[in-house]
Amino acid sequence: TGSLVRLPGPSITQPNVYQFNKVS
């Protein structure tokens, strides 16, 4: 339900962000 797909990154301020329906 989020606006973007967010996964943890190297720090709390550097998440890995992806778009729904576009990245496998």
PDB file of all heavy atoms in Angstrom:
ATOM      1  N   THR A   1       0.807  -1.222   0.000  1.00  0.00           N
ATOM      2  CA  THR A   1       0.000   0.000   0.000  1.00  0.00           C
ATOM      3  C   THR A   1       0.839   1.271   0.000  1.00  0.00           C
ATOM      4  O   THR A   1       0.302   2.370  -0.050  1.00  0.00           O
ATOM      5  CB  THR A   1      -0.929   0.053   1.230  1.00  0.00           C
ATOM      6  OG1 THR A   1      -0.128  -0.037   2.423  1.00  0.00           O
ATOM      7  CG2 THR A   1      -1.941  -1.079   1.201  1.00  0.00           C
ATOM      8  N   GLY A   2       2.169   1.155   0.080  1.00  0.00           N
ATOM      9  CA  GLY A   2       3.018   2.336   0.129  1.00  0.00           C
ATOM     10  C   GLY A   2       3.074   3.068  -1.200  1.00  0.00           C
ATOM     11  O   GLY A   2       2.641   2.552  -2.235  1.00  0.00           O
ATOM     12  N   SER A   3       3.635   4.270  -1.181  1.00  0.00           N
ATOM     13  CA  SER A   3       3.809   5.021  -2.422  1.00  0.00           C
ATOM     14  C   SER A   3       4.981   4.482  -3.237  1.00  0.00           C
ATOM     15  O   SER A   3       4.983   4.563  -4.469  1.00  0.00           O
ATOM     16  CB  SER A   3       4.021   6.503  -2.121  1.00  0.00           C
ATOM     17  OG  SER A   3       5.138   6.679  -1.259  1.00  0.00           O
ATOM     18  N   LEU A   4       5.974   3.938  -2.534  1.00  0.00           N
ATOM     19  CA  LEU A   4       7.156   3.348  -3.159  1.00  0.00           C
ATOM     20  C   LEU A   4       7.560   2.106  -2.381  1.00  0.00           C
ATOM     21  O   LEU A   4       7.181   1.930  -1.220  1.00  0.00           O
ATOM     22  CB  LEU A   4       8.318   4.350  -3.170  1.00  0.00           C
ATOM     23  CG  LEU A   4       8.165   5.592  -4.055  1.00  0.00           C
ATOM     24  CD1 LEU A   4       9.217   6.630  -3.689  1.00  0.00           C
ATOM     25  CD2 LEU A   4       8.274   5.226  -5.543  1.00  0.00           C
ATOM     26  N   VAL A   5       8.328   1.251  -3.019  1.00  0.00           N
ATOM     27  CA  VAL A   5       8.898   0.082  -2.352  1.00  0.00           C
ATOM     28  C   VAL A   5      10.183   0.524  -1.655  1.00  0.00           C
ATOM     29  O   VAL A   5      11.096   1.041  -2.306  1.00  0.00           O
ATOM     30  CB  VAL A   5       9.207  -1.034  -3.365  1.00  0.00           C
ATOM     31  CG1 VAL A   5       9.898  -2.203  -2.674  1.00  0.00           C
ATOM     32  CG2 VAL A   5       7.936  -1.478  -4.066  1.00  0.00           C
ATOM     33  N   ARG A   6      10.236   0.329  -0.359  1.00  0.00           N
ATOM     34  CA  ARG A   6      11.414   0.752   0.407  1.00  0.00           C
ATOM     35  C   ARG A   6      12.030  -0.439   1.125  1.00  0.00           C
ATOM     36  O   ARG A   6      11.344  -1.164   1.858  1.00  0.00           O
ATOM     37  CB  ARG A   6      11.039   1.830   1.421  1.00  0.00           C
ATOM     38  CG  ARG A   6      10.667   3.165   0.783  1.00  0.00           C
ATOM     39  CD  ARG A   6      10.268   4.209   1.822  1.00  0.00           C
ATOM     40  NE  ARG A   6      10.137   5.533   1.226  1.00  0.00           N
ATOM     41  CZ  ARG A   6       9.037   5.977   0.609  1.00  0.00           C
ATOM     42  NH1 ARG A   6       7.981   5.181   0.518  1.00  0.00           N
ATOM     43  NH2 ARG A   6       8.994   7.192   0.080  1.00  0.00           N
ATOM     44  N   LEU A   7      13.331  -0.626   0.913  1.00  0.00           N
ATOM     45  CA  LEU A   7      14.094  -1.675   1.575  1.00  0.00           C
ATOM     46  C   LEU A   7      15.249  -1.038   2.337  1.00  0.00           C
ATOM     47  O   LEU A   7      15.790  -0.018   1.908  1.00  0.00           O
ATOM     48  CB  LEU A   7      14.639  -2.671   0.545  1.00  0.00           C
ATOM     49  CG  LEU A   7      13.611  -3.479  -0.251  1.00  0.00           C
ATOM     50  CD1 LEU A   7      14.312  -4.331  -1.298  1.00  0.00           C
ATOM     51  CD2 LEU A   7      12.776  -4.353   0.676  1.00  0.00           C
ATOM     52  N   PRO A   8      15.651  -1.637   3.456  1.00  0.00           N
ATOM     53  CA  PRO A   8      16.767  -1.068   4.225  1.00  0.00           C
ATOM     54  C   PRO A   8      18.034  -0.947   3.384  1.00  0.00           C
ATOM     55  O   PRO A   8      18.323  -1.794   2.540  1.00  0.00           O
ATOM     56  CB  PRO A   8      16.953  -2.085   5.358  1.00  0.00           C
ATOM     57  CG  PRO A   8      15.631  -2.753   5.495  1.00  0.00           C
ATOM     58  CD  PRO A   8      15.064  -2.815   4.106  1.00  0.00           C
ATOM     59  N   GLY A   9      18.773   0.128   3.630  1.00  0.00           N
ATOM     60  CA  GLY A   9      20.038   0.355   2.946  1.00  0.00           C
ATOM     61  C   GLY A   9      21.185   0.363   3.934  1.00  0.00           C
ATOM     62  O   GLY A   9      21.051  -0.134   5.058  1.00  0.00           O
ATOM     63  N   PRO A  10      22.322   0.952   3.571  1.00  0.00           N
ATOM     64  CA  PRO A  10      23.485   0.979   4.457  1.00  0.00           C
ATOM     65  C   PRO A  10      23.270   1.811   5.722  1.00  0.00           C
ATOM     66  O   PRO A  10      23.977   1.639   6.705  1.00  0.00           O
ATOM     67  CB  PRO A  10      24.593   1.570   3.582  1.00  0.00           C
ATOM     68  CG  PRO A  10      23.873   2.289   2.483  1.00  0.00           C
ATOM     69  CD  PRO A  10      22.621   1.521   2.245  1.00  0.00           C
ATOM     70  N   SER A  11      22.297   2.730   5.693  1.00  0.00           N
ATOM     71  CA  SER A  11      21.950   3.502   6.886  1.00  0.00           C
ATOM     72  C   SER A  11      20.464   3.823   6.828  1.00  0.00           C
ATOM     73  O   SER A  11      19.815   3.657   5.781  1.00  0.00           O
ATOM     74  CB  SER A  11      22.764   4.794   6.955  1.00  0.00           C
ATOM     75  OG  SER A  11      22.303   5.727   5.991  1.00  0.00           O
ATOM     76  N   ILE A  12      19.923   4.320   7.951  1.00  0.00           N
ATOM     77  CA  ILE A  12      18.494   4.598   8.017  1.00  0.00           C
ATOM     78  C   ILE A  12      18.089   5.713   7.059  1.00  0.00           C
ATOM     79  O   ILE A  12      16.938   5.820   6.630  1.00  0.00           O
ATOM     80  CB  ILE A  12      18.084   4.942   9.469  1.00  0.00           C
ATOM     81  CG1 ILE A  12      16.557   4.860   9.624  1.00  0.00           C
ATOM     82  CG2 ILE A  12      18.614   6.312   9.875  1.00  0.00           C
ATOM     83  CD1 ILE A  12      16.089   4.924  11.062  1.00  0.00           C
ATOM     84  N   THR A  13      19.042   6.564   6.704  1.00  0.00           N
ATOM     85  CA  THR A  13      18.751   7.671   5.786  1.00  0.00           C
ATOM     86  C   THR A  13      19.055   7.319   4.330  1.00  0.00           C
ATOM     87  O   THR A  13      18.903   8.151   3.453  1.00  0.00           O
ATOM     88  CB  THR A  13      19.567   8.921   6.176  1.00  0.00           C
ATOM     89  OG1 THR A  13      20.964   8.610   6.125  1.00  0.00           O
ATOM     90  CG2 THR A  13      19.191   9.395   7.569  1.00  0.00           C
ATOM     91  N   GLN A  14      19.481   6.077   4.090  1.00  0.00           N
ATOM     92  CA  GLN A  14      19.829   5.650   2.728  1.00  0.00           C
ATOM     93  C   GLN A  14      19.110   4.354   2.354  1.00  0.00           C
ATOM     94  O   GLN A  14      19.743   3.331   2.101  1.00  0.00           O
ATOM     95  CB  GLN A  14      21.344   5.449   2.605  1.00  0.00           C
ATOM     96  CG  GLN A  14      22.172   6.695   2.793  1.00  0.00           C
ATOM     97  CD  GLN A  14      23.662   6.375   2.792  1.00  0.00           C
ATOM     98  OE1 GLN A  14      24.193   5.792   3.733  1.00  0.00           O
ATOM     99  NE2 GLN A  14      24.328   6.736   1.702  1.00  0.00           N
ATOM    100  N   PRO A  15      17.777   4.378   2.326  1.00  0.00           N
ATOM    101  CA  PRO A  15      17.062   3.155   1.934  1.00  0.00           C
ATOM    102  C   PRO A  15      17.220   2.886   0.444  1.00  0.00           C
ATOM    103  O   PRO A  15      17.582   3.776  -0.334  1.00  0.00           O
ATOM    104  CB  PRO A  15      15.607   3.491   2.274  1.00  0.00           C
ATOM    105  CG  PRO A  15      15.531   4.983   2.100  1.00  0.00           C
ATOM    106  CD  PRO A  15      16.861   5.504   2.580  1.00  0.00           C
ATOM    107  N   ASN A  16      16.967   1.666   0.066  1.00  0.00           N
ATOM    108  CA  ASN A  16      16.880   1.317  -1.349  1.00  0.00           C
ATOM    109  C   ASN A  16      15.422   1.487  -1.765  1.00  0.00           C
ATOM    110  O   ASN A  16      14.528   0.863  -1.177  1.00  0.00           O
ATOM    111  CB  ASN A  16      17.331  -0.131  -1.569  1.00  0.00           C
ATOM    112  CG  ASN A  16      18.810  -0.313  -1.292  1.00  0.00           C
ATOM    113  OD1 ASN A  16      19.648   0.075  -2.099  1.00  0.00           O
ATOM    114  ND2 ASN A  16      19.138  -0.908  -0.142  1.00  0.00           N
ATOM    115  N   VAL A  17      15.166   2.333  -2.737  1.00  0.00           N
ATOM    116  CA  VAL A  17      13.798   2.698  -3.123  1.00  0.00           C
ATOM    117  C   VAL A  17      13.530   2.280  -4.560  1.00  0.00           C
ATOM    118  O   VAL A  17      14.344   2.516  -5.466  1.00  0.00           O
ATOM    119  CB  VAL A  17      13.583   4.217  -2.969  1.00  0.00           C
ATOM    120  CG1 VAL A  17      12.158   4.596  -3.361  1.00  0.00           C
ATOM    121  CG2 VAL A  17      13.855   4.649  -1.527  1.00  0.00           C
ATOM    122  N   TYR A  18      12.373   1.661  -4.766  1.00  0.00           N
ATOM    123  CA  TYR A  18      11.981   1.192  -6.096  1.00  0.00           C
ATOM    124  C   TYR A  18      10.517   1.552  -6.350  1.00  0.00           C
ATOM    125  O   TYR A  18       9.754   1.800  -5.419  1.00  0.00           O
ATOM    126  CB  TYR A  18      12.139  -0.329  -6.201  1.00  0.00           C
ATOM    127  CG  TYR A  18      13.520  -0.836  -5.871  1.00  0.00           C
ATOM    128  CD1 TYR A  18      13.821  -1.293  -4.583  1.00  0.00           C
ATOM    129  CD2 TYR A  18      14.526  -0.859  -6.827  1.00  0.00           C
ATOM    130  CE1 TYR A  18      15.086  -1.765  -4.267  1.00  0.00           C
ATOM    131  CE2 TYR A  18      15.802  -1.332  -6.516  1.00  0.00           C
ATOM    132  CZ  TYR A  18      16.070  -1.777  -5.241  1.00  0.00           C
ATOM    133  OH  TYR A  18      17.326  -2.237  -4.931  1.00  0.00           O
ATOM    134  N   GLN A  19      10.123   1.530  -7.606  1.00  0.00           N
ATOM    135  CA  GLN A  19       8.731   1.768  -7.973  1.00  0.00           C
ATOM    136  C   GLN A  19       7.975   0.453  -8.045  1.00  0.00           C
ATOM    137  O   GLN A  19       8.513  -0.575  -8.481  1.00  0.00           O
ATOM    138  CB  GLN A  19       8.651   2.484  -9.321  1.00  0.00           C
ATOM    139  CG  GLN A  19       9.112   3.939  -9.293  1.00  0.00           C
ATOM    140  CD  GLN A  19       8.877   4.623 -10.624  1.00  0.00           C
ATOM    141  OE1 GLN A  19       9.446   4.252 -11.648  1.00  0.00           O
ATOM    142  NE2 GLN A  19       8.031   5.641 -10.611  1.00  0.00           N
ATOM    143  N   PHE A  20       6.732   0.483  -7.598  1.00  0.00           N
ATOM    144  CA  PHE A  20       5.857  -0.671  -7.751  1.00  0.00           C
ATOM    145  C   PHE A  20       5.621  -0.967  -9.233  1.00  0.00           C
ATOM    146  O   PHE A  20       5.619  -0.059 -10.076  1.00  0.00           O
ATOM    147  CB  PHE A  20       4.500  -0.413  -7.092  1.00  0.00           C
ATOM    148  CG  PHE A  20       4.486  -0.577  -5.595  1.00  0.00           C
ATOM    149  CD1 PHE A  20       4.543   0.538  -4.767  1.00  0.00           C
ATOM    150  CD2 PHE A  20       4.401  -1.831  -5.014  1.00  0.00           C
ATOM    151  CE1 PHE A  20       4.518   0.401  -3.388  1.00  0.00           C
ATOM    152  CE2 PHE A  20       4.372  -1.982  -3.629  1.00  0.00           C
ATOM    153  CZ  PHE A  20       4.433  -0.861  -2.816  1.00  0.00           C
ATOM    154  N   ASN A  21       5.413  -2.225  -9.534  1.00  0.00           N
ATOM    155  CA  ASN A  21       4.988  -2.690 -10.859  1.00  0.00           C
ATOM    156  C   ASN A  21       6.033  -2.498 -11.951  1.00  0.00           C
ATOM    157  O   ASN A  21       5.773  -2.818 -13.115  1.00  0.00           O
ATOM    158  CB  ASN A  21       3.689  -2.002 -11.313  1.00  0.00           C
ATOM    159  CG  ASN A  21       2.583  -2.068 -10.274  1.00  0.00           C
ATOM    160  OD1 ASN A  21       2.310  -3.125  -9.730  1.00  0.00           O
ATOM    161  ND2 ASN A  21       1.965  -0.920  -9.993  1.00  0.00           N
ATOM    162  N   LYS A  22       7.227  -1.977 -11.602  1.00  0.00           N
ATOM    163  CA  LYS A  22       8.213  -1.672 -12.644  1.00  0.00           C
ATOM    164  C   LYS A  22       9.556  -2.367 -12.456  1.00  0.00           C
ATOM    165  O   LYS A  22      10.314  -2.492 -13.419  1.00  0.00           O
ATOM    166  CB  LYS A  22       8.442  -0.159 -12.727  1.00  0.00           C
ATOM    167  CG  LYS A  22       7.236   0.607 -13.230  1.00  0.00           C
ATOM    168  CD  LYS A  22       7.539   2.086 -13.449  1.00  0.00           C
ATOM    169  CE  LYS A  22       6.336   2.819 -14.027  1.00  0.00           C
ATOM    170  NZ  LYS A  22       6.615   4.264 -14.249  1.00  0.00           N
ATOM    171  N   VAL A  23       9.876  -2.785 -11.231  1.00  0.00           N
ATOM    172  CA  VAL A  23      11.157  -3.424 -10.956  1.00  0.00           C
ATOM    173  C   VAL A  23      10.886  -4.813 -10.379  1.00  0.00           C
ATOM    174  O   VAL A  23      10.148  -4.954  -9.407  1.00  0.00           O
ATOM    175  CB  VAL A  23      12.007  -2.597  -9.977  1.00  0.00           C
ATOM    176  CG1 VAL A  23      13.390  -3.237  -9.805  1.00  0.00           C
ATOM    177  CG2 VAL A  23      12.145  -1.157 -10.463  1.00  0.00           C
ATOM    178  N   SER A  24      11.494  -5.830 -10.945  1.00  0.00           N
ATOM    179  CA  SER A  24      11.255  -7.201 -10.502  1.00  0.00           C
ATOM    180  C   SER A  24      12.055  -7.517  -9.247  1.00  0.00           C
ATOM    181  O   SER A  24      13.059  -6.865  -8.934  1.00  0.00           O
ATOM    182  CB  SER A  24      11.640  -8.191 -11.606  1.00  0.00           C
ATOM    183  OG  SER A  24      13.053  -8.208 -11.778  1.00  0.00           O
TER     184      SER A  24
END
